[in-house]
Amino acid sequence: MEFVSVRMITADVARLVAFYERALGVPATWATEEFAELRTPGAALAIAGTGTVPLFAPGSARPAANQSVIVEFLVDDVDRVHRDLTGFLSDVVAGPTTMPWGNRSLLFRDPDGTLVNFFTPVTPAALQKYGR
C-alpha cells in the first residue's frame, strides 16, 4: 500500500488552491474546475469542490467541517517559512515552537479552518527520524 494524497472538500476550490499554492510554494495541477492537486515529494494535497462529493456518496463530506485532522508538511526551516508567510497567514494558532518530540512547528488554519502544521526537526532524534 502507498499513501498518495489527502483530499479536502471545499465550497471554494479556487480560493483554497490559491492559498495552498502560496503557502506551499507549489503550483497546482487542475483536472477540472472542481479538482486540483498540489504535489509534494511525499504525497499530494488534493482539493475538490462540493460537486465531487456525490460521485463518492451524497452527504459523505462537508466543507470547512474538520475538527480532528492536522495536515503536516516537513519544511527545511520553519522559522524562515514563518517569516516568509507573515502577513499572508491570517489565523496563526501557534508561532514556531519546539515540541517535546523534537520538531519545531508552526501551526495555522487554512481559509476553511483546517489545521496545518509546518515543521522542521531540530533535535538529534527528530533529525535522524526524518533522515536529516
Protein backbone atom coordinates (compact mmCIF):
# COMPACT_ATOMS: atom_id res chain seq x y z
CA MET A 1 0.00 0.00 0.00
CA GLU A 2 1.18 3.51 -0.75
CA PHE A 3 -0.17 6.69 0.81
CA VAL A 4 -0.64 9.14 -2.08
CA SER A 5 -2.86 12.04 -1.03
CA VAL A 6 -5.19 13.82 1.32
CA ARG A 7 -8.31 15.30 -0.29
CA MET A 8 -10.02 18.36 1.11
CA ILE A 9 -13.57 19.24 0.17
CA THR A 10 -14.29 22.95 -0.09
CA ALA A 11 -17.04 25.27 -1.23
CA ASP A 12 -14.44 27.50 -2.94
CA VAL A 13 -11.84 25.45 -4.81
CA ALA A 14 -10.06 28.42 -6.41
CA ARG A 15 -9.62 30.21 -3.06
CA LEU A 16 -8.26 27.15 -1.26
CA VAL A 17 -5.96 26.17 -4.14
CA ALA A 18 -4.56 29.72 -4.27
CA PHE A 19 -3.95 29.62 -0.51
CA TYR A 20 -2.02 26.35 -0.68
CA GLU A 21 -0.07 27.38 -3.78
CA ARG A 22 1.21 30.39 -1.82
CA ALA A 23 1.72 28.56 1.48
CA LEU A 24 3.49 25.57 -0.06
CA GLY A 25 5.20 27.33 -2.94
CA VAL A 26 3.93 24.56 -5.23
CA PRO A 27 1.78 25.10 -8.34
CA ALA A 28 -1.48 23.21 -8.60
CA THR A 29 -2.35 20.87 -11.43
CA TRP A 30 -6.00 21.33 -12.34
CA ALA A 31 -8.02 18.36 -13.65
CA THR A 32 -11.34 20.27 -13.71
CA GLU A 33 -12.60 23.47 -12.09
CA GLU A 34 -13.78 21.22 -9.23
CA PHE A 35 -10.49 19.36 -8.67
CA ALA A 36 -6.81 20.28 -8.37
CA GLU A 37 -3.72 18.69 -6.82
CA LEU A 38 -0.59 20.13 -5.29
CA ARG A 39 2.17 17.53 -5.49
CA THR A 40 5.00 17.34 -2.99
CA PRO A 41 7.78 14.72 -2.97
CA GLY A 42 5.92 12.54 -0.45
CA ALA A 43 2.26 12.86 -1.41
CA ALA A 44 -0.30 15.18 -2.95
CA LEU A 45 -2.79 17.56 -1.43
CA ALA A 46 -5.98 17.22 -3.46
CA ILE A 47 -8.62 19.92 -3.30
CA ALA A 48 -12.10 19.22 -4.58
CA GLY A 49 -15.36 21.10 -4.71
CA THR A 50 -18.60 20.05 -3.10
CA GLY A 51 -19.86 18.95 -6.51
CA THR A 52 -17.50 15.98 -6.36
CA VAL A 53 -18.94 14.56 -3.13
CA PRO A 54 -21.98 12.85 -4.73
CA LEU A 55 -19.60 10.94 -7.00
CA PHE A 56 -18.50 9.01 -3.89
CA ALA A 57 -21.56 9.13 -1.68
CA PRO A 58 -24.01 12.05 -1.31
CA GLY A 59 -23.56 13.85 2.00
CA SER A 60 -20.42 11.92 2.93
CA ALA A 61 -18.21 15.03 3.25
CA ARG A 62 -18.86 18.66 4.16
CA PRO A 63 -16.57 21.63 3.54
CA ALA A 64 -14.98 23.51 6.43
CA ALA A 65 -16.09 20.90 8.97
CA ASN A 66 -12.76 19.37 10.05
CA GLN A 67 -12.24 19.25 13.81
CA SER A 68 -9.82 16.36 14.13
CA VAL A 69 -7.10 16.40 11.46
CA ILE A 70 -3.87 18.36 11.22
CA VAL A 71 -2.26 18.34 7.77
CA GLU A 72 1.51 18.36 8.19
CA PHE A 73 4.38 19.39 5.94
CA LEU A 74 8.09 18.92 6.59
CA VAL A 75 9.95 22.13 5.70
CA ASP A 76 13.65 22.96 5.68
CA ASP A 77 13.45 25.95 8.05
CA VAL A 78 10.15 26.61 9.81
CA ASP A 79 11.32 29.95 11.18
CA ARG A 80 12.18 31.21 7.68
CA VAL A 81 8.87 29.92 6.32
CA HIS A 82 7.06 31.71 9.15
CA ARG A 83 8.83 34.97 8.27
CA ASP A 84 8.03 34.46 4.57
CA LEU A 85 4.33 33.90 5.34
CA THR A 86 3.96 36.77 7.82
CA GLY A 87 1.15 38.95 6.58
CA PHE A 88 -0.24 36.13 4.43
CA LEU A 89 -1.45 33.78 7.15
CA SER A 90 -4.50 35.23 8.87
CA ASP A 91 -5.01 32.54 11.53
CA VAL A 92 -1.75 31.51 13.19
CA VAL A 93 -2.63 29.19 16.08
CA ALA A 94 0.94 28.90 17.41
CA GLY A 95 4.09 30.55 16.12
CA PRO A 96 7.26 28.49 15.77
CA THR A 97 7.55 26.35 18.88
CA THR A 98 9.88 23.47 19.68
CA MET A 99 7.79 20.44 20.60
CA PRO A 100 8.80 17.81 23.18
CA TRP A 101 9.26 15.24 20.37
CA GLY A 102 11.93 17.37 18.70
CA ASN A 103 10.17 19.23 15.90
CA ARG A 104 9.93 22.99 15.62
CA SER A 105 6.36 23.63 14.48
CA LEU A 106 4.24 26.43 13.05
CA LEU A 107 0.52 25.75 13.43
CA PHE A 108 -2.08 27.72 11.46
CA ARG A 109 -5.52 27.37 9.89
CA ASP A 110 -6.28 27.44 6.19
CA PRO A 111 -9.24 29.52 4.92
CA ASP A 112 -11.63 26.61 5.58
CA GLY A 113 -10.37 26.21 9.16
CA THR A 114 -8.25 23.07 8.68
CA LEU A 115 -5.21 22.99 10.95
CA VAL A 116 -1.90 22.95 9.10
CA ASN A 117 1.46 22.24 10.70
CA PHE A 118 4.74 23.17 9.04
CA PHE A 119 7.61 21.61 10.96
CA THR A 120 11.36 21.20 10.96
CA PRO A 121 13.12 18.50 13.02
CA VAL A 122 15.67 20.11 15.34
CA THR A 123 16.80 17.53 17.90
CA PRO A 124 19.19 14.70 17.04
CA ALA A 125 16.41 12.10 17.39
CA ALA A 126 14.00 14.06 15.18
CA LEU A 127 16.71 14.74 12.62
CA GLN A 128 17.50 11.03 12.48
CA LYS A 129 13.81 10.11 12.17
CA TYR A 130 13.45 12.29 9.08
CA GLY A 131 16.82 11.34 7.60
CA ARG A 132 18.35 14.77 8.01
